[in-house]
Protein backbone atom coordinates (compact mmCIF):
# COMPACT_ATOMS: atom_id res chain seq x y z
CA MET A 1 -14.08 5.91 -27.95
CA PHE A 2 -12.93 8.15 -25.09
CA TYR A 3 -15.54 7.44 -22.43
CA SER A 4 -18.78 5.54 -22.06
CA ARG A 5 -20.88 7.94 -20.02
CA SER A 6 -23.28 5.29 -18.73
CA ASN A 7 -20.67 2.81 -17.53
CA HIS A 8 -17.96 5.12 -16.25
CA LEU A 9 -20.26 7.68 -14.70
CA LEU A 10 -22.39 5.01 -12.99
CA ALA A 11 -19.31 3.47 -11.40
CA ALA A 12 -17.89 6.84 -10.41
CA THR A 13 -21.21 8.08 -9.07
CA SER A 14 -21.62 4.97 -6.96
CA LEU A 15 -18.20 5.51 -5.44
CA VAL A 16 -18.83 9.19 -4.77
CA CYS A 17 -22.18 8.40 -3.17
CA ALA A 18 -20.41 5.97 -0.87
CA LEU A 19 -17.91 8.68 0.06
CA LEU A 20 -20.59 11.27 0.64
CA LEU A 21 -22.73 9.00 2.82
CA PRO A 22 -20.25 7.88 5.45
CA PHE A 23 -22.59 8.00 8.41
CA SER A 24 -24.94 5.04 7.84
CA SER A 25 -23.92 3.27 11.03
CA LEU A 26 -22.96 6.02 13.42
CA ALA A 27 -23.08 5.28 17.11
CA ASP A 28 -25.23 7.45 19.36
CA ASP A 29 -22.23 9.45 20.57
CA GLU A 30 -21.00 10.23 17.05
CA VAL A 31 -21.91 13.42 15.21
CA ALA A 32 -21.65 14.00 11.46
CA SER A 33 -19.32 16.90 10.64
CA GLU A 34 -17.88 18.55 7.54
CA THR A 35 -14.94 20.93 7.72
CA TRP A 36 -12.87 22.68 5.05
CA ARG A 37 -9.82 24.86 5.48
CA LEU A 38 -7.99 27.01 2.95
CA PHE A 39 -4.25 27.56 3.08
CA VAL A 40 -3.20 30.69 1.22
CA ALA A 41 0.30 31.97 0.46
CA ASP A 42 0.88 35.66 -0.17
CA HIS A 43 2.48 36.74 -3.43
CA SER A 44 4.95 39.16 -1.85
CA LEU A 45 5.02 38.48 1.90
CA PRO A 46 6.60 35.35 3.46
CA VAL A 47 3.40 34.12 5.08
CA VAL A 48 0.87 31.30 4.81
CA ARG A 49 -2.62 31.80 6.23
CA ALA A 50 -5.12 29.16 7.34
CA ILE A 51 -8.76 30.12 6.82
CA ASP A 52 -11.87 28.33 8.02
CA VAL A 53 -14.24 28.16 5.05
CA ALA A 54 -17.47 28.08 7.09
CA SER A 55 -16.74 31.23 9.09
CA GLY A 56 -14.33 32.94 6.72
CA LYS A 57 -12.05 33.63 9.68
CA GLU A 58 -8.29 33.32 9.75
CA ILE A 59 -7.42 30.50 12.15
CA GLY A 60 -3.68 30.52 11.67
CA ARG A 61 -0.91 32.74 10.32
CA PHE A 62 2.47 31.16 9.72
CA ASP A 63 5.54 33.27 9.03
CA ILE A 64 7.93 31.45 6.72
CA GLU A 65 11.25 32.39 5.18
CA GLY A 66 10.30 33.47 1.67
CA TYR A 67 7.97 33.43 -1.32
CA ALA A 68 6.25 30.03 -1.44
CA SER A 69 4.37 27.73 -3.74
CA LEU A 70 2.04 25.32 -1.92
CA SER A 71 1.64 21.58 -2.29
CA LEU A 72 -0.96 19.52 -0.43
CA SER A 73 -0.19 15.94 0.56
CA GLN A 74 -2.41 13.15 -0.73
CA SER A 75 -3.81 12.63 2.77
CA GLY A 76 -4.66 16.31 3.19
CA ARG A 77 -2.80 16.39 6.49
CA THR A 78 0.20 18.43 5.35
CA VAL A 79 0.77 21.56 3.29
CA PHE A 80 4.29 22.01 1.96
CA ALA A 81 5.50 25.60 1.52
CA VAL A 82 8.21 25.29 -1.12
CA GLN A 83 10.58 28.26 -1.03
CA GLY A 84 12.98 27.81 -3.92
CA GLU A 85 14.68 31.18 -3.51
CA LYS A 86 15.43 30.46 0.16
CA ASN A 87 16.46 26.80 -0.38
CA VAL A 88 13.99 25.50 2.20
CA VAL A 89 10.71 23.62 2.46
CA GLN A 90 8.51 24.17 5.49
CA ALA A 91 5.38 22.22 6.35
CA VAL A 92 2.04 23.08 7.95
CA ASP A 93 -0.05 20.50 9.79
CA THR A 94 -3.58 21.21 8.48
CA GLY A 95 -5.16 19.92 11.70
CA ILE A 96 -7.51 17.69 9.68
CA SER A 97 -7.25 13.92 9.78
CA LEU A 98 -9.68 11.53 8.05
CA SER A 99 -9.65 7.84 8.97
CA ASP A 100 -11.60 4.94 7.46
CA HIS A 101 -13.78 2.83 9.76
CA GLY A 102 -15.34 0.52 7.19
CA ASP A 103 -18.95 1.69 7.19
CA HIS A 104 -18.03 5.32 7.88
CA ARG A 105 -15.16 7.77 8.20
CA ASP A 106 -14.00 9.67 11.25
CA ILE A 107 -12.73 13.23 11.08
CA ALA A 108 -10.42 14.55 13.79
CA LEU A 109 -9.80 18.27 14.08
CA SER A 110 -7.06 20.25 15.77
CA ASP A 111 -5.51 23.68 15.32
CA PRO A 112 -3.33 24.05 12.22
CA LYS A 113 0.32 24.59 13.06
CA LEU A 114 3.68 25.22 11.46
CA LEU A 115 5.90 22.19 11.99
CA ALA A 116 9.31 22.72 13.56
CA THR A 117 11.12 20.70 10.90
CA VAL A 118 12.72 22.80 8.16
CA ILE A 119 13.92 20.75 5.18
CA LYS A 120 16.87 22.26 3.35
CA GLY A 121 18.27 21.76 -0.13
CA GLU A 122 19.43 23.78 -3.10
CA LYS A 123 16.46 25.16 -5.08
CA PRO A 124 13.60 22.85 -4.01
CA GLY A 125 10.97 22.48 -6.71
CA HIS A 126 8.45 19.69 -7.18
CA VAL A 127 7.04 18.00 -4.08
CA VAL A 128 5.14 14.75 -4.68
CA SER A 129 3.05 12.89 -2.10
CA HIS A 130 1.94 9.30 -2.63
CA ALA A 131 0.29 7.42 0.24
CA ASN A 132 2.58 8.09 3.24
CA GLU A 133 5.67 8.91 1.18
CA VAL A 134 6.86 12.35 0.12
CA THR A 135 9.60 13.28 -2.33
CA ILE A 136 11.22 16.71 -2.58
CA PHE A 137 13.26 17.39 -5.71
CA TYR A 138 16.10 19.94 -5.61
CA ASP A 139 16.75 21.51 -9.02
CA ARG A 140 20.22 22.78 -8.11
CA GLY A 141 21.19 20.15 -5.59
CA GLY A 142 21.56 17.07 -7.78
CA LYS A 143 19.40 15.10 -5.36
CA PHE A 144 15.90 14.42 -4.11
CA ASP A 145 14.77 13.56 -0.60
CA LEU A 146 12.38 10.77 0.41
CA LEU A 147 10.56 10.91 3.75
CA SER A 148 7.51 9.67 5.63
CA GLU A 149 4.63 12.11 6.10
CA ALA A 150 3.64 10.45 9.38
CA ASP A 151 7.17 10.90 10.75
CA LEU A 152 7.25 14.51 9.56
CA LEU A 153 4.01 15.27 11.39
CA GLN A 154 5.73 14.00 14.54
CA ASN A 155 8.71 16.26 13.77
CA LYS A 156 10.89 13.14 13.54
CA PRO A 157 11.45 12.64 9.81
CA GLU A 158 14.11 10.24 8.60
CA ILE A 159 15.18 11.85 5.34
CA ARG A 160 16.90 9.72 2.68
CA ALA A 161 18.73 11.51 -0.12
CA PHE A 162 18.99 10.04 -3.62
CA ASN A 163 21.33 11.16 -6.40
CA THR A 164 19.72 12.50 -9.60
CA THR A 165 22.88 12.07 -11.78
CA ALA A 166 23.04 15.85 -12.31
CA ALA A 167 21.25 18.98 -11.18
CA HIS A 168 18.16 19.65 -13.32
CA HIS A 169 14.55 20.84 -13.04
CA GLY A 170 12.98 17.46 -12.39
CA VAL A 171 10.68 15.27 -10.33
CA ALA A 172 10.68 11.99 -8.39
CA VAL A 173 7.57 9.85 -7.79
CA PRO A 174 7.23 6.82 -5.45
CA MET A 175 5.65 3.73 -7.04
CA GLY A 176 5.63 0.63 -4.84
CA ASN A 177 9.18 -0.61 -4.33
CA TYR A 178 10.49 1.79 -6.95
CA LEU A 179 11.00 5.47 -7.63
CA LEU A 180 10.31 7.19 -10.95
CA VAL A 181 12.92 9.89 -11.53
CA SER A 182 13.45 12.37 -14.36
CA ALA A 183 16.70 11.98 -16.30
CA PRO A 184 18.79 14.95 -17.51
CA ASP A 185 20.42 15.13 -20.93
CA LEU A 186 24.10 15.28 -20.05
CA ASN A 187 25.16 15.50 -23.71
CA GLU A 188 23.28 18.72 -24.36
CA PRO A 189 25.54 21.79 -24.08
CA VAL A 190 24.27 24.39 -21.62
CA LYS A 191 25.36 27.92 -20.80
CA GLU A 192 26.97 28.70 -17.47
CA GLY A 193 24.35 28.90 -14.75
CA GLU A 194 21.70 27.06 -16.77
CA LEU A 195 20.39 23.55 -16.17
CA PRO A 196 20.36 20.69 -18.69
CA PRO A 197 17.06 19.67 -20.29
CA ARG A 198 15.27 16.42 -19.45
CA LEU A 199 15.46 13.55 -21.91
CA GLY A 200 13.43 10.87 -20.15
CA LEU A 201 12.50 8.87 -17.10
CA ARG A 202 14.58 6.50 -14.97
CA ILE A 203 13.20 3.77 -12.73
CA VAL A 204 15.33 3.16 -9.64
CA ASP A 205 14.96 0.77 -6.73
CA ARG A 206 15.01 1.78 -3.08
CA GLU A 207 18.79 1.57 -3.07
CA GLY A 208 19.00 4.10 -5.87
CA LYS A 209 20.05 1.59 -8.54
CA GLN A 210 18.59 2.05 -12.01
CA VAL A 211 16.30 -0.69 -13.29
CA GLY A 212 16.19 -1.15 -17.07
CA GLN A 213 16.74 1.57 -19.65
CA ILE A 214 15.78 5.23 -19.56
CA GLY A 215 12.34 5.76 -21.08
CA THR A 216 12.25 8.51 -23.69
CA CYS A 217 10.33 11.61 -22.57
CA THR A 218 11.92 14.69 -24.12
CA GLY A 219 11.51 17.83 -22.04
CA LEU A 220 9.72 15.90 -19.27
CA HIS A 221 7.50 18.26 -17.31
CA GLY A 222 4.24 17.71 -15.49
CA GLU A 223 3.32 14.67 -13.41
CA ALA A 224 0.12 13.23 -11.97
CA THR A 225 -1.26 10.01 -10.49
CA SER A 226 -4.63 8.45 -11.26
CA ALA A 227 -5.56 5.11 -9.67
CA ARG A 228 -2.31 3.11 -9.90
CA LEU A 229 -0.94 4.92 -12.94
CA VAL A 230 1.50 7.83 -13.16
CA ALA A 231 1.66 10.14 -16.19
CA PHE A 232 4.39 12.52 -17.36
CA GLY A 233 4.17 15.25 -20.00
CA CYS A 234 6.69 14.97 -22.86
CA GLU A 235 7.29 16.54 -26.27
CA GLU A 236 6.41 13.22 -27.97
CA GLY A 237 3.25 12.56 -25.97
CA VAL A 238 2.30 11.55 -22.46
CA LEU A 239 4.35 8.80 -20.85
CA ILE A 240 2.22 6.38 -18.80
CA VAL A 241 3.86 4.24 -16.11
CA ARG A 242 2.05 1.19 -14.77
CA PRO A 243 3.04 -1.01 -11.81
CA GLY A 244 4.79 -4.17 -12.97
CA GLY A 245 5.83 -7.43 -11.39
CA VAL A 246 9.29 -8.44 -10.27
CA ASP A 247 10.80 -6.58 -13.23
CA GLY A 248 9.49 -3.24 -12.04
CA PRO A 249 7.09 -0.65 -13.50
CA LYS A 250 6.31 -0.59 -17.22
CA MET A 251 6.42 2.54 -19.41
CA GLU A 252 4.22 3.29 -22.41
CA MET A 253 4.22 6.42 -24.60
CA LEU A 254 0.85 7.78 -25.74
CA ALA A 255 1.94 9.70 -28.84
CA TYR A 256 -0.01 12.88 -29.61
CA GLY A 257 -0.74 11.82 -33.19
CA ALA A 258 -1.76 13.77 -36.28
CA ALA A 259 -5.25 14.58 -35.00
CA LEU A 260 -3.92 17.09 -32.45
CA PRO A 261 -2.49 20.50 -33.40
CA LYS A 262 1.14 21.20 -32.65
CA GLY A 263 1.67 21.43 -28.90
CA LYS A 264 2.53 19.45 -25.80
CA VAL A 265 1.39 18.66 -22.28
CA SER A 266 3.47 20.20 -19.49
CA THR A 267 1.00 20.25 -16.57
CA LEU A 268 -1.09 17.25 -15.52
CA LEU A 269 -3.87 16.45 -13.05
CA GLY A 270 -5.03 12.93 -12.20
CA GLY A 271 -8.62 11.77 -11.69
CA THR A 272 -9.51 10.16 -8.38
CA SER A 273 -12.76 8.23 -8.74
CA MET A 274 -12.22 7.76 -12.48
CA GLN A 275 -8.94 6.80 -14.13
CA PHE A 276 -8.02 9.65 -16.47
CA PHE A 277 -5.71 12.63 -16.73
CA LEU A 278 -6.32 16.27 -17.58
CA GLY A 279 -3.50 18.32 -19.02
CA ASN A 280 -2.76 21.65 -20.60
CA TYR A 281 -2.06 21.67 -24.34
CA GLY A 282 -0.68 25.03 -25.22
CA GLU A 283 -2.01 28.13 -23.49
CA GLN A 284 -5.54 28.05 -24.88
CA ASN A 285 -6.40 24.33 -24.78
CA ILE A 286 -6.76 21.52 -22.30
CA VAL A 287 -6.74 17.85 -23.15
CA LEU A 288 -8.45 14.83 -21.60
CA ILE A 289 -6.32 11.68 -21.60
CA ASP A 290 -7.65 8.13 -21.38
CA PRO A 291 -4.59 5.95 -20.72
CA ASP A 292 -6.42 2.75 -21.71
CA ASP A 293 -7.69 3.98 -25.08
CA LYS A 294 -5.19 2.75 -27.66
CA THR A 295 -6.83 4.44 -30.66
CA THR A 296 -7.95 7.93 -29.52
CA PRO A 297 -6.48 8.58 -26.06
CA TYR A 298 -6.73 12.39 -26.38
CA ARG A 299 -9.73 14.69 -26.46
CA LEU A 300 -8.92 18.35 -27.02
CA ILE A 301 -11.06 21.11 -25.47
CA GLU A 302 -10.52 24.61 -26.85
CA LEU A 303 -10.85 27.49 -24.40
CA PRO A 304 -12.14 30.96 -25.33
CA THR A 305 -9.01 32.69 -24.01
CA ARG A 306 -5.74 31.63 -22.41
CA ARG A 307 -5.83 29.45 -19.31
CA VAL A 308 -4.81 30.87 -15.93
CA ASP A 309 -5.39 27.81 -13.71
CA PHE A 310 -7.36 24.57 -13.65
CA VAL A 311 -8.41 21.94 -11.08
CA LEU A 312 -10.33 18.67 -10.83
CA ASP A 313 -13.22 18.12 -8.43
CA PRO A 314 -12.34 15.04 -6.33
CA ALA A 315 -15.92 14.48 -5.11
CA LYS A 316 -17.57 15.04 -8.50
CA PRO A 317 -15.33 13.08 -10.85
CA GLN A 318 -17.08 14.33 -14.00
CA HIS A 319 -16.26 17.98 -13.14
CA ALA A 320 -13.18 20.08 -13.77
CA TYR A 321 -12.84 23.86 -13.50
CA VAL A 322 -10.75 26.22 -15.63
CA LEU A 323 -10.16 29.92 -15.06
CA THR A 324 -9.24 31.89 -18.18
CA GLU A 325 -7.57 35.28 -18.45
CA ASP A 326 -10.86 37.06 -19.21
CA GLY A 327 -11.91 36.35 -15.61
CA LYS A 328 -14.36 33.56 -16.49
CA LEU A 329 -14.63 30.27 -14.66
CA HIS A 330 -15.58 27.30 -16.86
CA LEU A 331 -17.18 24.07 -15.70
CA ILE A 332 -15.78 21.21 -17.80
CA ASP A 333 -17.72 17.97 -18.26
CA VAL A 334 -14.85 15.50 -18.50
CA VAL A 335 -17.16 12.69 -19.63
CA ASP A 336 -18.52 14.52 -22.68
CA GLY A 337 -15.38 16.63 -23.09
CA VAL A 338 -17.18 19.97 -23.32
CA ILE A 339 -17.48 23.31 -21.53
CA ALA A 340 -20.81 22.89 -19.73
CA LYS A 341 -21.09 26.35 -18.16
CA SER A 342 -19.16 29.62 -17.84
CA GLU A 343 -19.46 32.61 -15.51
CA ARG A 344 -17.30 35.67 -14.88
CA VAL A 345 -15.79 35.54 -11.38
CA THR A 346 -12.89 38.05 -11.43
CA GLU A 347 -11.69 40.98 -13.47
CA PRO A 348 -9.42 40.02 -16.41
CA TYR A 349 -5.90 38.82 -15.54
CA SER A 350 -3.72 38.84 -18.65
CA LYS A 351 -1.17 36.09 -19.20
CA ASP A 352 1.18 38.67 -20.75
CA GLY A 353 3.93 39.98 -18.52
CA HIS A 354 6.16 38.02 -16.15
CA TRP A 355 5.19 34.38 -15.60
CA ARG A 356 5.18 34.93 -11.84
CA ASP A 357 2.98 38.04 -11.78
CA PRO A 358 0.14 37.67 -9.24
CA ARG A 359 -2.79 35.87 -10.87
CA PRO A 360 -5.71 33.89 -9.42
CA ARG A 361 -5.41 30.27 -8.37
CA LEU A 362 -8.13 27.67 -7.75
CA ALA A 363 -8.94 25.09 -5.07
CA VAL A 364 -12.00 22.89 -4.50
CA ALA A 365 -13.49 22.93 -0.99
CA GLY A 366 -16.47 20.60 -0.90
CA ASN A 367 -19.25 22.17 -2.99
CA LEU A 368 -17.35 25.44 -3.33
CA ILE A 369 -14.59 26.61 -5.63
CA ALA A 370 -12.14 28.96 -3.91
CA ILE A 371 -10.47 31.52 -6.18
CA THR A 372 -7.73 33.86 -5.01
CA ASP A 373 -7.94 37.43 -6.32
CA PRO A 374 -4.59 39.12 -5.56
CA ARG A 375 -5.59 42.58 -6.81
CA GLN A 376 -8.71 42.71 -4.66
CA SER A 377 -7.20 41.01 -1.56
CA LYS A 378 -10.00 38.46 -1.63
CA VAL A 379 -10.78 34.78 -1.96
CA HIS A 380 -14.01 34.28 -3.89
CA LEU A 381 -16.18 31.29 -2.93
CA VAL A 382 -18.18 30.10 -5.94
CA ASP A 383 -20.88 27.42 -6.10
CA GLY A 384 -19.45 24.43 -7.98
CA GLU A 385 -22.71 23.77 -9.87
CA THR A 386 -24.02 27.25 -10.72
CA LEU A 387 -20.63 29.03 -10.81
CA LYS A 388 -22.30 31.92 -8.98
CA GLU A 389 -20.40 33.64 -6.18
CA VAL A 390 -21.70 32.65 -2.74
CA ARG A 391 -19.52 35.08 -0.79
CA ASP A 392 -15.96 36.30 -0.58
CA ILE A 393 -13.34 36.36 2.15
CA HIS A 394 -11.08 39.37 2.68
CA VAL A 395 -7.44 38.31 2.94
CA GLU A 396 -4.73 40.80 3.83
CA GLY A 397 -2.06 41.41 1.19
CA GLN A 398 -2.02 39.59 -2.15
CA PRO A 399 -3.53 36.11 -1.73
CA PHE A 400 -1.98 33.91 -4.39
CA ALA A 401 -1.22 30.19 -4.10
CA ILE A 402 -4.03 28.20 -2.48
CA VAL A 403 -4.82 24.63 -1.44
CA SER A 404 -7.82 23.20 0.36
CA SER A 405 -7.99 20.43 2.95
CA GLY A 406 -11.06 18.93 4.54
CA GLY A 407 -13.95 16.56 4.20
CA SER A 408 -16.80 14.96 6.09
CA GLY A 409 -16.78 12.35 8.81
CA ALA A 410 -17.96 11.40 12.27
CA THR A 411 -16.65 13.19 15.35
CA HIS A 412 -16.66 11.63 18.82
């Protein structure tokens, strides 16, 4: 059985209610506040824009060195602009800081700003943030960097480089006293200028020494964290890594099995209030993954057309959103594993053509879903329950990659 709606949803709803009601014991000089900011990278111009969701106004424009993908840190305090073609990663301080005070949260606001630190390496790719730690993997550099987010925000990062045995398109993930690192297949012949494929996952300690054997994960691609677990997409299934004792983390392969059609997971998202993963499975399916279900860990959801982008709602753990190439946004009930509602939000964006052609991307900003529309130079703001457009924001150029940072808390 994949999920018990009554048990899992009750627990998740209780947690979300606690997060959404952080002001039960506010002092007289404290004011409840909710703020969301969008950070949008242009498809053709080297720029990242910060936009205040409430007003729709641009509150920051940051000129960077090249075309960028965006990655938001787990804390929401930092946006990483990964510029693989320019061999640099730059970072934007979102100006939003949430801190826990037991019976409530505080939110501190400042102007967003481009940090002075520029992190360099050959072909940066995946950036992973876990707690205060950040890893940056360099596909052509044969290394990944490990640094502290707090130090970076002070423009004083101490960057430690780790060897990846060979250059490859990979990923590194912090887990306690260990690091989970993709392993290249050094026995596979490759053409000049190409990178070797991935054959599995290595666990290394903080000195860079491998612990145990390489776990099989052919073609490893896609990574996500949910609760204390980390998942990786593989050709055989999804590899789940759990924290271990003195012997280090433990790996377990969830094989796809005969019930699923031919395919694989190569992109993963991790649930926050509930422990589960959501992945792609081919271009026209998504799959829900319960890492604790030993009999039927996968639930396949067929989409009407090919998927363009998908996100999870951190505040509503039973909700996910998928945009398909026909321009429709779909609300996914991850408990029942069904498409609960669909509405058209953009014109069609075909998946045919170059993989990096400008297409919409999604971000969740409180009760709104933000959808970039590169052809129309807009960001659409859609109600997360009705899927109806609330309003749109004009953005100069071709708004493409997008992340959202914000939340609610008490201000002093």
